[in-house]
Structure formats: C-alpha cells, structure tokens
Amino acid sequence: MILKPKRLKYGDAVALIAPSGIVREEKFKKAVRNFNEIGFLPISLNNELKNYGYLADTDENRLIELMLFFQNDVLAEGIFCIRGGYGATRILDQINYDIVCQNPKVFVGFSDITALQSAFFVKTGLVTFHGIVAASEFTEYVLEQINDLIVNPVENYVLPARNMKILNEGKAEGKIVGGNLSLLTSLIGTEYLYSFQNNIVFIEEIAETPYKIDRMLNHLLMATDLKKASAIVFGKFHRCEAEHHDSLPEESFTIEEIIKQYFSDFKIPVVYNINFGHIKDGLIFPIGINASIDTEFFEIRLLETAVLK
C-alpha cells in the first residue's frame, strides 16, 4: 500500500530541514530565497547554523527536527531537505515511523536523503520526491516539475526526461524506486532498503571512481533482487569518470562501459544518461508511484498522481 501526501498550495509553509551534512550559510540563504521567490513560506530551526563534525547537528537534534515537522501540522505543510551530505543513515533506527504514517507530508530531497526516502517507503509506503534539495537551482525546468507533481498534479504526467540512451529496448510498468547508488548499497542487509522486484529502479551517483561504481553495482546485483526489476534507469554519474580522479582513462572503464557489462543481457528495458542526479536541470522522481516506461517513445509516464488532490 502506498501513502500519498496532500498536495502543496502556493502560500503554504514548508519546513527547511538539515537531516544530514553541514549546511553552510550561503546554502541556507539560497534555500530560503528559493521558496520566497516561488511563493511558499520557508520555516526553519536552522537560523543559527551550527555543525557537529561533518553533520548538521547531533543525531538527537536532527531526529527531533525531522519528527517535529512531521508531527506538527501547524508548523509546515511540506518538508524539504536543504542538502544531502552524510548522516541520514545514522538516525533510521530511531525514527518514529508511526508518526510519519499518521502525518504524511510532501518530503523532498536526494543524494544522502535516499536513505530516508527508502526507509519511509519501506516502513510506511510514503510517496516522497527525489531529485532536488531546497538549495538546488530552481530553474524553470525544476519549477515546472514542482508545480506539475506537487502543487497542481497532472494526470498521466510524462516525466520531462532528456538525453535518454537505450541499452535494452522494451516496455514495462512498476513502482518507481531508487536513488543514490552509494546509499542504496549502504542499506543492503538492513530493514530499510526497497525491494526492486517488479519495480522501475532509478540510480545516480557523484564523485565516485569507476571501479567503485563497478563494485557497488556488482554488490547490488549479488545482494538484492535488482535482477528482478521491471526496468532500470541510470542517470548522470557526475564527476565519476577516470579523468576526475587522477586516473588514466586508458587504464579504466567508462561508466557507460560498466553499465553495459552488467546490464546488456537483461531482458528488461534499461536506459542510461537521463538527466537526473547531481546536475542543474534534474528530473524529480516521485518514489512509490506506479509508472510505465516505453523506450520506443523515450517516455516515462506516471500512471497516477503523486499527491492527493
């Protein structure tokens, strides 16, 4: 069963939270400016920015912030993570998932936030949104998706995917699940990782070397049910090629070669190079929503809205 949040309305209060890494002042100000400019009221407990090592705050305080905004319907209608970084996995076993289930809200983030999104879906069925954080570039492309997915939900919405390359052709349906490769791999063996079986799985990464990408994909294939996915969608692997890591390209595989080595023989649609991940104009994926993919038309279509109208 999936749990859909209520749609947001322009003018609603939205919480800006930091459940993972340090939020620097310029990122915080950018996040506030983003929401002021598009007509939401940004609410935050981070007016006095601090850090706890490489974390935005202690595990206890980051957990309190997260739970406060889920529990309190007066403070905010939706929750946007300011950035990723690292730290979400440290609080997964302390979250009160009953509170999340009883108060479903629009929850948006990506990268390290993959851990929370996977846990929320597994534990509650909550539909969340992966692809931007509050401090992202809110381009017209991004703003149109926020409107069409979260504010004024469009029926039979076709994700505005760009630059799709097809490895394996075909059509498929399934729930959309996935996220950042490092985080998906880190959840293996826990109770917080999605099932990939019969689902459309999207995967992206940033700043990992090709051999680490190879190792993580191999690990996912050996330790999860990824081979039983209905389709696999690879996004941008930003700054992951050998030349970004002081390595000689001739002594490495490219990311495209690694994907082809592992997935060319799959009898399901597999596409890559789509514009999502750590890039400026990225797709927003509603996690948990039934969707279809058709490589003939380079199309990923939502079969239902991601929010309650």
C-alpha atoms as a PDB file:
ATOM      1  CA  MET A   1       0.000   0.000   0.000  1.00  0.00           C
ATOM      2  CA  ILE A   2       1.270   3.470  -0.807  1.00  0.00           C
ATOM      3  CA  LEU A   3       0.609   6.567   1.280  1.00  0.00           C
ATOM      4  CA  LYS A   4       0.216   9.813  -0.631  1.00  0.00           C
ATOM      5  CA  PRO A   5       0.714  13.237   0.967  1.00  0.00           C
ATOM      6  CA  LYS A   6      -1.635  16.139   0.394  1.00  0.00           C
ATOM      7  CA  ARG A   7      -0.625  18.456  -2.417  1.00  0.00           C
ATOM      8  CA  LEU A   8       1.031  21.726  -1.528  1.00  0.00           C
ATOM      9  CA  LYS A   9      -0.566  25.080  -2.313  1.00  0.00           C
ATOM     10  CA  TYR A  10       1.339  28.247  -3.092  1.00  0.00           C
ATOM     11  CA  GLY A  11       1.461  30.222   0.129  1.00  0.00           C
ATOM     12  CA  ASP A  12       1.845  27.107   2.306  1.00  0.00           C
ATOM     13  CA  ALA A  13       4.561  26.959   4.939  1.00  0.00           C
ATOM     14  CA  VAL A  14       7.312  24.470   4.097  1.00  0.00           C
ATOM     15  CA  ALA A  15       9.964  23.263   6.503  1.00  0.00           C
ATOM     16  CA  LEU A  16      13.637  23.508   5.549  1.00  0.00           C
ATOM     17  CA  ILE A  17      15.492  20.800   7.437  1.00  0.00           C
ATOM     18  CA  ALA A  18      19.057  19.503   7.677  1.00  0.00           C
ATOM     19  CA  PRO A  19      18.939  15.759   8.427  1.00  0.00           C
ATOM     20  CA  SER A  20      22.408  15.035   7.044  1.00  0.00           C
ATOM     21  CA  GLY A  21      25.525  17.131   6.410  1.00  0.00           C
ATOM     22  CA  ILE A  22      26.575  20.615   7.432  1.00  0.00           C
ATOM     23  CA  VAL A  23      24.526  23.457   5.979  1.00  0.00           C
ATOM     24  CA  ARG A  24      26.669  26.476   5.221  1.00  0.00           C
ATOM     25  CA  GLU A  25      25.190  29.958   5.423  1.00  0.00           C
ATOM     26  CA  GLU A  26      25.134  30.515   1.658  1.00  0.00           C
ATOM     27  CA  LYS A  27      23.209  27.259   1.129  1.00  0.00           C
ATOM     28  CA  PHE A  28      20.699  28.169   3.805  1.00  0.00           C
ATOM     29  CA  LYS A  29      20.117  31.633   2.389  1.00  0.00           C
ATOM     30  CA  LYS A  30      19.721  30.208  -1.092  1.00  0.00           C
ATOM     31  CA  ALA A  31      17.119  27.717   0.130  1.00  0.00           C
ATOM     32  CA  VAL A  32      15.131  30.464   1.863  1.00  0.00           C
ATOM     33  CA  ARG A  33      15.346  32.667  -1.226  1.00  0.00           C
ATOM     34  CA  ASN A  34      14.172  29.822  -3.479  1.00  0.00           C
ATOM     35  CA  PHE A  35      10.936  29.367  -1.585  1.00  0.00           C
ATOM     36  CA  ASN A  36      10.244  33.030  -1.062  1.00  0.00           C
ATOM     37  CA  GLU A  37      10.573  33.577  -4.800  1.00  0.00           C
ATOM     38  CA  ILE A  38       8.110  30.857  -5.795  1.00  0.00           C
ATOM     39  CA  GLY A  39       5.504  31.738  -3.195  1.00  0.00           C
ATOM     40  CA  PHE A  40       5.984  29.355  -0.282  1.00  0.00           C
ATOM     41  CA  LEU A  41       6.694  30.367   3.300  1.00  0.00           C
ATOM     42  CA  PRO A  42      10.011  28.782   4.385  1.00  0.00           C
ATOM     43  CA  ILE A  43      10.187  27.717   8.048  1.00  0.00           C
ATOM     44  CA  SER A  44      13.414  26.547   9.683  1.00  0.00           C
ATOM     45  CA  LEU A  45      15.015  25.776  13.019  1.00  0.00           C
ATOM     46  CA  ASN A  46      18.422  26.477  11.471  1.00  0.00           C
ATOM     47  CA  ASN A  47      18.537  30.238  11.767  1.00  0.00           C
ATOM     48  CA  GLU A  48      21.623  29.810  13.919  1.00  0.00           C
ATOM     49  CA  LEU A  49      23.683  27.441  11.813  1.00  0.00           C
ATOM     50  CA  LYS A  50      25.945  25.018  13.614  1.00  0.00           C
ATOM     51  CA  ASN A  51      27.672  21.761  12.946  1.00  0.00           C
ATOM     52  CA  TYR A  52      28.622  18.594  14.754  1.00  0.00           C
ATOM     53  CA  GLY A  53      31.730  17.364  12.986  1.00  0.00           C
ATOM     54  CA  TYR A  54      30.663  16.747   9.385  1.00  0.00           C
ATOM     55  CA  LEU A  55      26.998  16.600  10.429  1.00  0.00           C
ATOM     56  CA  ALA A  56      24.471  19.439  10.555  1.00  0.00           C
ATOM     57  CA  ASP A  57      23.871  18.683  14.255  1.00  0.00           C
ATOM     58  CA  THR A  58      23.844  15.782  16.674  1.00  0.00           C
ATOM     59  CA  ASP A  59      21.844  12.702  15.749  1.00  0.00           C
ATOM     60  CA  GLU A  60      19.377  13.562  18.505  1.00  0.00           C
ATOM     61  CA  ASN A  61      18.779  17.114  17.291  1.00  0.00           C
ATOM     62  CA  ARG A  62      18.492  16.155  13.633  1.00  0.00           C
ATOM     63  CA  LEU A  63      15.969  13.487  14.597  1.00  0.00           C
ATOM     64  CA  ILE A  64      13.991  15.938  16.737  1.00  0.00           C
ATOM     65  CA  GLU A  65      13.823  18.395  13.837  1.00  0.00           C
ATOM     66  CA  LEU A  66      12.633  15.724  11.405  1.00  0.00           C
ATOM     67  CA  MET A  67       9.959  14.387  13.764  1.00  0.00           C
ATOM     68  CA  LEU A  68       8.796  17.839  14.811  1.00  0.00           C
ATOM     69  CA  PHE A  69       7.847  18.838  11.287  1.00  0.00           C
ATOM     70  CA  PHE A  70       6.150  15.523  10.527  1.00  0.00           C
ATOM     71  CA  GLN A  71       4.197  15.576  13.766  1.00  0.00           C
ATOM     72  CA  ASN A  72       3.092  19.210  13.745  1.00  0.00           C
ATOM     73  CA  ASP A  73       0.527  20.113  11.081  1.00  0.00           C
ATOM     74  CA  VAL A  74       0.541  23.771  12.098  1.00  0.00           C
ATOM     75  CA  LEU A  75       4.227  24.457  11.522  1.00  0.00           C
ATOM     76  CA  ALA A  76       4.532  23.287   7.921  1.00  0.00           C
ATOM     77  CA  GLU A  77       2.607  21.512   5.174  1.00  0.00           C
ATOM     78  CA  GLY A  78       5.673  20.079   3.437  1.00  0.00           C
ATOM     79  CA  ILE A  79       9.295  19.232   4.233  1.00  0.00           C
ATOM     80  CA  PHE A  80      12.297  19.999   2.023  1.00  0.00           C
ATOM     81  CA  CYS A  81      15.834  18.917   2.907  1.00  0.00           C
ATOM     82  CA  ILE A  82      18.290  21.776   2.444  1.00  0.00           C
ATOM     83  CA  ARG A  83      21.075  19.487   1.224  1.00  0.00           C
ATOM     84  CA  GLY A  84      22.413  15.951   1.412  1.00  0.00           C
ATOM     85  CA  GLY A  85      25.948  15.169   2.518  1.00  0.00           C
ATOM     86  CA  TYR A  86      26.115  12.409   5.092  1.00  0.00           C
ATOM     87  CA  GLY A  87      24.220  11.452   8.218  1.00  0.00           C
ATOM     88  CA  ALA A  88      20.724  10.230   7.349  1.00  0.00           C
ATOM     89  CA  THR A  89      21.573   6.568   7.882  1.00  0.00           C
ATOM     90  CA  ARG A  90      22.610   7.326  11.476  1.00  0.00           C
ATOM     91  CA  ILE A  91      19.026   8.082  12.523  1.00  0.00           C
ATOM     92  CA  LEU A  92      17.000   5.499  10.573  1.00  0.00           C
ATOM     93  CA  ASP A  93      16.574   3.154  13.538  1.00  0.00           C
ATOM     94  CA  GLN A  94      15.419   5.996  15.810  1.00  0.00           C
ATOM     95  CA  ILE A  95      12.639   7.421  13.630  1.00  0.00           C
ATOM     96  CA  ASN A  96       9.078   7.008  14.843  1.00  0.00           C
ATOM     97  CA  TYR A  97       7.568   5.666  11.645  1.00  0.00           C
ATOM     98  CA  ASP A  98       4.077   5.683  13.164  1.00  0.00           C
ATOM     99  CA  ILE A  99       4.257   9.486  13.270  1.00  0.00           C
ATOM    100  CA  VAL A 100       5.298   9.597   9.616  1.00  0.00           C
ATOM    101  CA  CYS A 101       2.469   7.233   8.707  1.00  0.00           C
ATOM    102  CA  GLN A 102      -0.116   9.252  10.633  1.00  0.00           C
ATOM    103  CA  ASN A 103       1.029  12.575   9.160  1.00  0.00           C
ATOM    104  CA  PRO A 104       2.033  12.019   5.537  1.00  0.00           C
ATOM    105  CA  LYS A 105       3.614  15.146   4.088  1.00  0.00           C
ATOM    106  CA  VAL A 106       5.401  16.100   0.919  1.00  0.00           C
ATOM    107  CA  PHE A 107       9.036  15.198   1.605  1.00  0.00           C
ATOM    108  CA  VAL A 108      11.713  16.245  -0.889  1.00  0.00           C
ATOM    109  CA  GLY A 109      15.449  15.613  -1.165  1.00  0.00           C
ATOM    110  CA  PHE A 110      18.055  13.457  -2.868  1.00  0.00           C
ATOM    111  CA  SER A 111      21.603  12.122  -2.545  1.00  0.00           C
ATOM    112  CA  ASP A 112      22.088  11.172   1.148  1.00  0.00           C
ATOM    113  CA  ILE A 113      18.336  11.719   1.622  1.00  0.00           C
ATOM    114  CA  THR A 114      17.867   8.491  -0.380  1.00  0.00           C
ATOM    115  CA  ALA A 115      18.256   6.666   2.948  1.00  0.00           C
ATOM    116  CA  LEU A 116      15.257   8.433   4.487  1.00  0.00           C
ATOM    117  CA  GLN A 117      13.156   8.050   1.357  1.00  0.00           C
ATOM    118  CA  SER A 118      13.811   4.331   1.144  1.00  0.00           C
ATOM    119  CA  ALA A 119      13.090   3.852   4.852  1.00  0.00           C
ATOM    120  CA  PHE A 120       9.881   5.897   4.700  1.00  0.00           C
ATOM    121  CA  PHE A 121       8.606   3.876   1.752  1.00  0.00           C
ATOM    122  CA  VAL A 122       9.506   0.500   3.239  1.00  0.00           C
ATOM    123  CA  LYS A 123       8.096   1.308   6.678  1.00  0.00           C
ATOM    124  CA  THR A 124       5.046   3.422   5.759  1.00  0.00           C
ATOM    125  CA  GLY A 125       4.504   3.429   1.986  1.00  0.00           C
ATOM    126  CA  LEU A 126       5.004   7.214   1.938  1.00  0.00           C
ATOM    127  CA  VAL A 127       5.452   8.713  -1.517  1.00  0.00           C
ATOM    128  CA  THR A 128       8.424  11.113  -1.473  1.00  0.00           C
ATOM    129  CA  PHE A 129      10.207  13.152  -4.140  1.00  0.00           C
ATOM    130  CA  HIS A 130      13.804  12.555  -5.224  1.00  0.00           C
ATOM    131  CA  GLY A 131      15.747  14.912  -7.473  1.00  0.00           C
ATOM    132  CA  ILE A 132      16.259  18.289  -5.806  1.00  0.00           C
ATOM    133  CA  VAL A 133      17.049  19.779  -2.424  1.00  0.00           C
ATOM    134  CA  ALA A 134      15.951  23.156  -1.088  1.00  0.00           C
ATOM    135  CA  ALA A 135      19.289  24.718  -2.064  1.00  0.00           C
ATOM    136  CA  SER A 136      19.204  23.404  -5.644  1.00  0.00           C
ATOM    137  CA  GLU A 137      18.985  25.680  -8.654  1.00  0.00           C
ATOM    138  CA  PHE A 138      15.255  26.300  -9.027  1.00  0.00           C
ATOM    139  CA  THR A 139      15.296  26.706 -12.785  1.00  0.00           C
ATOM    140  CA  GLU A 140      12.129  26.949 -14.870  1.00  0.00           C
ATOM    141  CA  TYR A 141      12.557  23.247 -15.628  1.00  0.00           C
ATOM    142  CA  VAL A 142      12.591  22.419 -11.913  1.00  0.00           C
ATOM    143  CA  LEU A 143       9.750  24.803 -11.067  1.00  0.00           C
ATOM    144  CA  GLU A 144       7.505  23.266 -13.721  1.00  0.00           C
ATOM    145  CA  GLN A 145       8.042  19.831 -12.178  1.00  0.00           C
ATOM    146  CA  ILE A 146       7.317  21.103  -8.662  1.00  0.00           C
ATOM    147  CA  ASN A 147       4.064  22.538  -9.954  1.00  0.00           C
ATOM    148  CA  ASP A 148       3.042  19.545 -12.089  1.00  0.00           C
ATOM    149  CA  LEU A 149       3.939  16.901  -9.490  1.00  0.00           C
ATOM    150  CA  ILE A 150       3.323  18.522  -6.108  1.00  0.00           C
ATOM    151  CA  VAL A 151       1.139  21.630  -6.425  1.00  0.00           C
ATOM    152  CA  ASN A 152      -1.214  21.105  -9.384  1.00  0.00           C
ATOM    153  CA  PRO A 153      -0.804  17.394 -10.110  1.00  0.00           C
ATOM    154  CA  VAL A 154      -1.131  16.455 -13.764  1.00  0.00           C
ATOM    155  CA  GLU A 155      -2.846  13.203 -14.717  1.00  0.00           C
ATOM    156  CA  ASN A 156      -0.777  10.794 -16.828  1.00  0.00           C
ATOM    157  CA  TYR A 157       2.231  13.019 -16.353  1.00  0.00           C
ATOM    158  CA  VAL A 158       5.193  12.262 -18.591  1.00  0.00           C
ATOM    159  CA  LEU A 159       8.464  12.972 -16.833  1.00  0.00           C
ATOM    160  CA  PRO A 160      10.374  15.544 -18.916  1.00  0.00           C
ATOM    161  CA  ALA A 161      13.348  13.243 -19.423  1.00  0.00           C
ATOM    162  CA  ARG A 162      16.217  14.422 -21.585  1.00  0.00           C
ATOM    163  CA  ASN A 163      19.113  12.691 -23.338  1.00  0.00           C
ATOM    164  CA  MET A 164      17.882   9.135 -22.777  1.00  0.00           C
ATOM    165  CA  LYS A 165      20.140   6.480 -24.262  1.00  0.00           C
ATOM    166  CA  ILE A 166      18.725   2.995 -24.716  1.00  0.00           C
ATOM    167  CA  LEU A 167      20.689  -0.084 -23.753  1.00  0.00           C
ATOM    168  CA  ASN A 168      17.816  -2.581 -23.823  1.00  0.00           C
ATOM    169  CA  GLU A 169      14.533  -1.761 -25.558  1.00  0.00           C
ATOM    170  CA  GLY A 170      11.078  -2.529 -24.274  1.00  0.00           C
ATOM    171  CA  LYS A 171       8.041  -1.554 -22.256  1.00  0.00           C
ATOM    172  CA  ALA A 172       7.456  -2.092 -18.553  1.00  0.00           C
ATOM    173  CA  GLU A 173       5.410  -0.974 -15.578  1.00  0.00           C
ATOM    174  CA  GLY A 174       6.161  -0.813 -11.885  1.00  0.00           C
ATOM    175  CA  LYS A 175       6.532   1.432  -8.893  1.00  0.00           C
ATOM    176  CA  ILE A 176       9.347   3.982  -9.076  1.00  0.00           C
ATOM    177  CA  VAL A 177      12.082   3.312  -6.511  1.00  0.00           C
ATOM    178  CA  GLY A 178      15.783   4.092  -6.290  1.00  0.00           C
ATOM    179  CA  GLY A 179      18.157   6.938  -5.620  1.00  0.00           C
ATOM    180  CA  ASN A 180      21.824   7.417  -4.973  1.00  0.00           C
ATOM    181  CA  LEU A 181      23.936   4.311  -5.598  1.00  0.00           C
ATOM    182  CA  SER A 182      26.153   4.678  -2.514  1.00  0.00           C
ATOM    183  CA  LEU A 183      23.123   4.974  -0.259  1.00  0.00           C
ATOM    184  CA  LEU A 184      21.279   2.073  -1.835  1.00  0.00           C
ATOM    185  CA  THR A 185      24.374  -0.052  -1.352  1.00  0.00           C
ATOM    186  CA  SER A 186      24.801   1.083   2.255  1.00  0.00           C
ATOM    187  CA  LEU A 187      21.265  -0.108   3.065  1.00  0.00           C
ATOM    188  CA  ILE A 188      21.891  -3.666   1.902  1.00  0.00           C
ATOM    189  CA  GLY A 189      21.278  -6.063   4.782  1.00  0.00           C
ATOM    190  CA  THR A 190      19.117  -3.572   6.680  1.00  0.00           C
ATOM    191  CA  GLU A 191      15.348  -3.419   7.031  1.00  0.00           C
ATOM    192  CA  TYR A 192      15.233  -0.070   5.228  1.00  0.00           C
ATOM    193  CA  LEU A 193      16.045  -0.935   1.609  1.00  0.00           C
ATOM    194  CA  TYR A 194      13.404  -1.073  -1.102  1.00  0.00           C
ATOM    195  CA  SER A 195      12.523  -4.257  -2.871  1.00  0.00           C
ATOM    196  CA  PHE A 196      13.450  -3.797  -6.533  1.00  0.00           C
ATOM    197  CA  GLN A 197      11.393  -6.716  -7.813  1.00  0.00           C
ATOM    198  CA  ASN A 198       8.817  -5.688 -10.450  1.00  0.00           C
ATOM    199  CA  ASN A 199       9.731  -2.014  -9.954  1.00  0.00           C
ATOM    200  CA  ILE A 200      11.271   0.687 -12.145  1.00  0.00           C
ATOM    201  CA  VAL A 201      14.618   1.399 -10.467  1.00  0.00           C
ATOM    202  CA  PHE A 202      16.469   4.693 -10.950  1.00  0.00           C
ATOM    203  CA  ILE A 203      20.140   5.085  -9.957  1.00  0.00           C
ATOM    204  CA  GLU A 204      22.604   8.007  -9.931  1.00  0.00           C
ATOM    205  CA  GLU A 205      25.943   8.871  -8.323  1.00  0.00           C
ATOM    206  CA  ILE A 206      28.520  11.618  -7.882  1.00  0.00           C
ATOM    207  CA  ALA A 207      32.301  11.767  -7.495  1.00  0.00           C
ATOM    208  CA  GLU A 208      32.973   8.039  -7.172  1.00  0.00           C
ATOM    209  CA  THR A 209      35.683   6.353  -9.218  1.00  0.00           C
ATOM    210  CA  PRO A 210      34.683   3.927 -11.969  1.00  0.00           C
ATOM    211  CA  TYR A 211      35.943   0.905 -10.045  1.00  0.00           C
ATOM    212  CA  LYS A 212      33.833   1.909  -7.035  1.00  0.00           C
ATOM    213  CA  ILE A 213      30.772   2.273  -9.268  1.00  0.00           C
ATOM    214  CA  ASP A 214      31.591  -1.194 -10.622  1.00  0.00           C
ATOM    215  CA  ARG A 215      31.881  -2.617  -7.093  1.00  0.00           C
ATOM    216  CA  MET A 216      28.626  -1.081  -5.882  1.00  0.00           C
ATOM    217  CA  LEU A 217      26.611  -2.230  -8.902  1.00  0.00           C
ATOM    218  CA  ASN A 218      28.075  -5.704  -8.531  1.00  0.00           C
ATOM    219  CA  HIS A 219      27.143  -5.682  -4.848  1.00  0.00           C
ATOM    220  CA  LEU A 220      23.559  -4.624  -5.597  1.00  0.00           C
ATOM    221  CA  LEU A 221      23.205  -7.369  -8.177  1.00  0.00           C
ATOM    222  CA  MET A 222      24.583 -10.059  -5.856  1.00  0.00           C
ATOM    223  CA  ALA A 223      22.878  -8.995  -2.632  1.00  0.00           C
ATOM    224  CA  THR A 224      19.456  -7.672  -3.694  1.00  0.00           C
ATOM    225  CA  ASP A 225      16.637  -8.509  -6.086  1.00  0.00           C
ATOM    226  CA  LEU A 226      17.751  -5.899  -8.641  1.00  0.00           C
ATOM    227  CA  LYS A 227      17.868  -8.602 -11.323  1.00  0.00           C
ATOM    228  CA  LYS A 228      14.098  -8.915 -10.924  1.00  0.00           C
ATOM    229  CA  ALA A 229      13.381  -5.233 -11.590  1.00  0.00           C
ATOM    230  CA  SER A 230      10.891  -4.420 -14.343  1.00  0.00           C
ATOM    231  CA  ALA A 231      13.198  -1.692 -15.730  1.00  0.00           C
ATOM    232  CA  ILE A 232      16.380   0.139 -14.745  1.00  0.00           C
ATOM    233  CA  VAL A 233      17.021   3.817 -15.381  1.00  0.00           C
ATOM    234  CA  PHE A 234      20.525   5.241 -14.943  1.00  0.00           C
ATOM    235  CA  GLY A 235      21.005   8.962 -14.564  1.00  0.00           C
ATOM    236  CA  LYS A 236      24.109  11.095 -14.511  1.00  0.00           C
ATOM    237  CA  PHE A 237      27.228   9.836 -12.778  1.00  0.00           C
ATOM    238  CA  HIS A 238      28.607  13.324 -12.266  1.00  0.00           C
ATOM    239  CA  ARG A 239      32.406  13.545 -11.887  1.00  0.00           C
ATOM    240  CA  CYS A 240      32.701   9.759 -11.808  1.00  0.00           C
ATOM    241  CA  GLU A 241      34.843   9.215 -14.904  1.00  0.00           C
ATOM    242  CA  ALA A 242      38.520   8.344 -14.504  1.00  0.00           C
ATOM    243  CA  GLU A 243      39.814  11.779 -15.500  1.00  0.00           C
ATOM    244  CA  HIS A 244      38.147  13.288 -12.425  1.00  0.00           C
ATOM    245  CA  HIS A 245      40.172  11.046 -10.127  1.00  0.00           C
ATOM    246  CA  ASP A 246      43.764  11.417 -11.312  1.00  0.00           C
ATOM    247  CA  SER A 247      43.461   8.168 -13.254  1.00  0.00           C
ATOM    248  CA  LEU A 248      44.356   7.454 -16.840  1.00  0.00           C
ATOM    249  CA  PRO A 249      41.240   6.844 -18.955  1.00  0.00           C
ATOM    250  CA  GLU A 250      43.049   4.077 -20.843  1.00  0.00           C
ATOM    251  CA  GLU A 251      43.503   2.245 -17.524  1.00  0.00           C
ATOM    252  CA  SER A 252      39.817   2.385 -16.627  1.00  0.00           C
ATOM    253  CA  PHE A 253      36.379   1.545 -17.932  1.00  0.00           C
ATOM    254  CA  THR A 254      33.960   4.373 -18.568  1.00  0.00           C
ATOM    255  CA  ILE A 255      30.695   4.435 -16.626  1.00  0.00           C
ATOM    256  CA  GLU A 256      28.861   3.578 -19.828  1.00  0.00           C
ATOM    257  CA  GLU A 257      31.083   0.532 -20.350  1.00  0.00           C
ATOM    258  CA  ILE A 258      30.456  -0.646 -16.785  1.00  0.00           C
ATOM    259  CA  ILE A 259      26.688  -0.327 -17.188  1.00  0.00           C
ATOM    260  CA  LYS A 260      26.817  -2.249 -20.458  1.00  0.00           C
ATOM    261  CA  GLN A 261      28.979  -5.007 -18.953  1.00  0.00           C
ATOM    262  CA  TYR A 262      26.468  -5.683 -16.201  1.00  0.00           C
ATOM    263  CA  PHE A 263      23.104  -4.970 -17.832  1.00  0.00           C
ATOM    264  CA  SER A 264      23.318  -5.650 -21.594  1.00  0.00           C
ATOM    265  CA  ASP A 265      21.946  -9.171 -21.169  1.00  0.00           C
ATOM    266  CA  PHE A 266      18.942  -8.140 -19.081  1.00  0.00           C
ATOM    267  CA  LYS A 267      15.593  -8.892 -20.731  1.00  0.00           C
ATOM    268  CA  ILE A 268      14.024  -5.693 -19.423  1.00  0.00           C
ATOM    269  CA  PRO A 269      14.199  -2.045 -20.520  1.00  0.00           C
ATOM    270  CA  VAL A 270      17.498  -0.488 -19.428  1.00  0.00           C
ATOM    271  CA  VAL A 271      18.244   3.147 -20.232  1.00  0.00           C
ATOM    272  CA  TYR A 272      21.032   5.485 -19.182  1.00  0.00           C
ATOM    273  CA  ASN A 273      22.336   9.051 -19.351  1.00  0.00           C
ATOM    274  CA  ILE A 274      18.976  10.557 -18.335  1.00  0.00           C
ATOM    275  CA  ASN A 275      19.157  13.996 -16.730  1.00  0.00           C
ATOM    276  CA  PHE A 276      18.823  13.236 -13.058  1.00  0.00           C
ATOM    277  CA  GLY A 277      21.351  13.290 -10.276  1.00  0.00           C
ATOM    278  CA  HIS A 278      23.790  15.955  -9.153  1.00  0.00           C
ATOM    279  CA  ILE A 279      23.131  18.280 -12.069  1.00  0.00           C
ATOM    280  CA  LYS A 280      21.428  21.627 -12.654  1.00  0.00           C
ATOM    281  CA  ASP A 281      18.253  20.601 -14.515  1.00  0.00           C
ATOM    282  CA  GLY A 282      17.395  17.286 -12.925  1.00  0.00           C
ATOM    283  CA  LEU A 283      14.287  15.129 -13.093  1.00  0.00           C
ATOM    284  CA  ILE A 284      12.181  14.785  -9.976  1.00  0.00           C
ATOM    285  CA  PHE A 285      11.088  11.193  -9.352  1.00  0.00           C
ATOM    286  CA  PRO A 286       8.043  10.510  -7.140  1.00  0.00           C
ATOM    287  CA  ILE A 287       9.077   7.423  -5.212  1.00  0.00           C
ATOM    288  CA  GLY A 288       6.422   4.730  -4.884  1.00  0.00           C
ATOM    289  CA  ILE A 289       4.171   5.853  -7.733  1.00  0.00           C
ATOM    290  CA  ASN A 290       3.082   3.399 -10.422  1.00  0.00           C
ATOM    291  CA  ALA A 291       4.664   4.303 -13.736  1.00  0.00           C
ATOM    292  CA  SER A 292       5.428   2.919 -17.173  1.00  0.00           C
ATOM    293  CA  ILE A 293       8.460   3.143 -19.402  1.00  0.00           C
ATOM    294  CA  ASP A 294       8.456   2.804 -23.178  1.00  0.00           C
ATOM    295  CA  THR A 295      11.807   3.060 -24.911  1.00  0.00           C
ATOM    296  CA  GLU A 296      10.189   3.397 -28.345  1.00  0.00           C
ATOM    297  CA  PHE A 297       8.897   6.815 -27.330  1.00  0.00           C
ATOM    298  CA  PHE A 298      11.723   7.629 -24.866  1.00  0.00           C
ATOM    299  CA  GLU A 299       8.987   8.009 -22.267  1.00  0.00           C
ATOM    300  CA  ILE A 300       8.497   7.504 -18.544  1.00  0.00           C
ATOM    301  CA  ARG A 301       4.842   8.121 -17.654  1.00  0.00           C
ATOM    302  CA  LEU A 302       3.210   8.307 -14.220  1.00  0.00           C
ATOM    303  CA  LEU A 303       0.092   6.156 -14.047  1.00  0.00           C
ATOM    304  CA  GLU A 304      -1.280   8.055 -11.061  1.00  0.00           C
ATOM    305  CA  THR A 305      -0.692  11.362  -9.341  1.00  0.00           C
ATOM    306  CA  ALA A 306       1.900  11.512  -6.565  1.00  0.00           C
ATOM    307  CA  VAL A 307      -0.189  13.644  -4.199  1.00  0.00           C
ATOM    308  CA  LEU A 308      -3.794  13.755  -3.082  1.00  0.00           C
ATOM    309  CA  LYS A 309      -5.740  16.421  -4.933  1.00  0.00           C
END
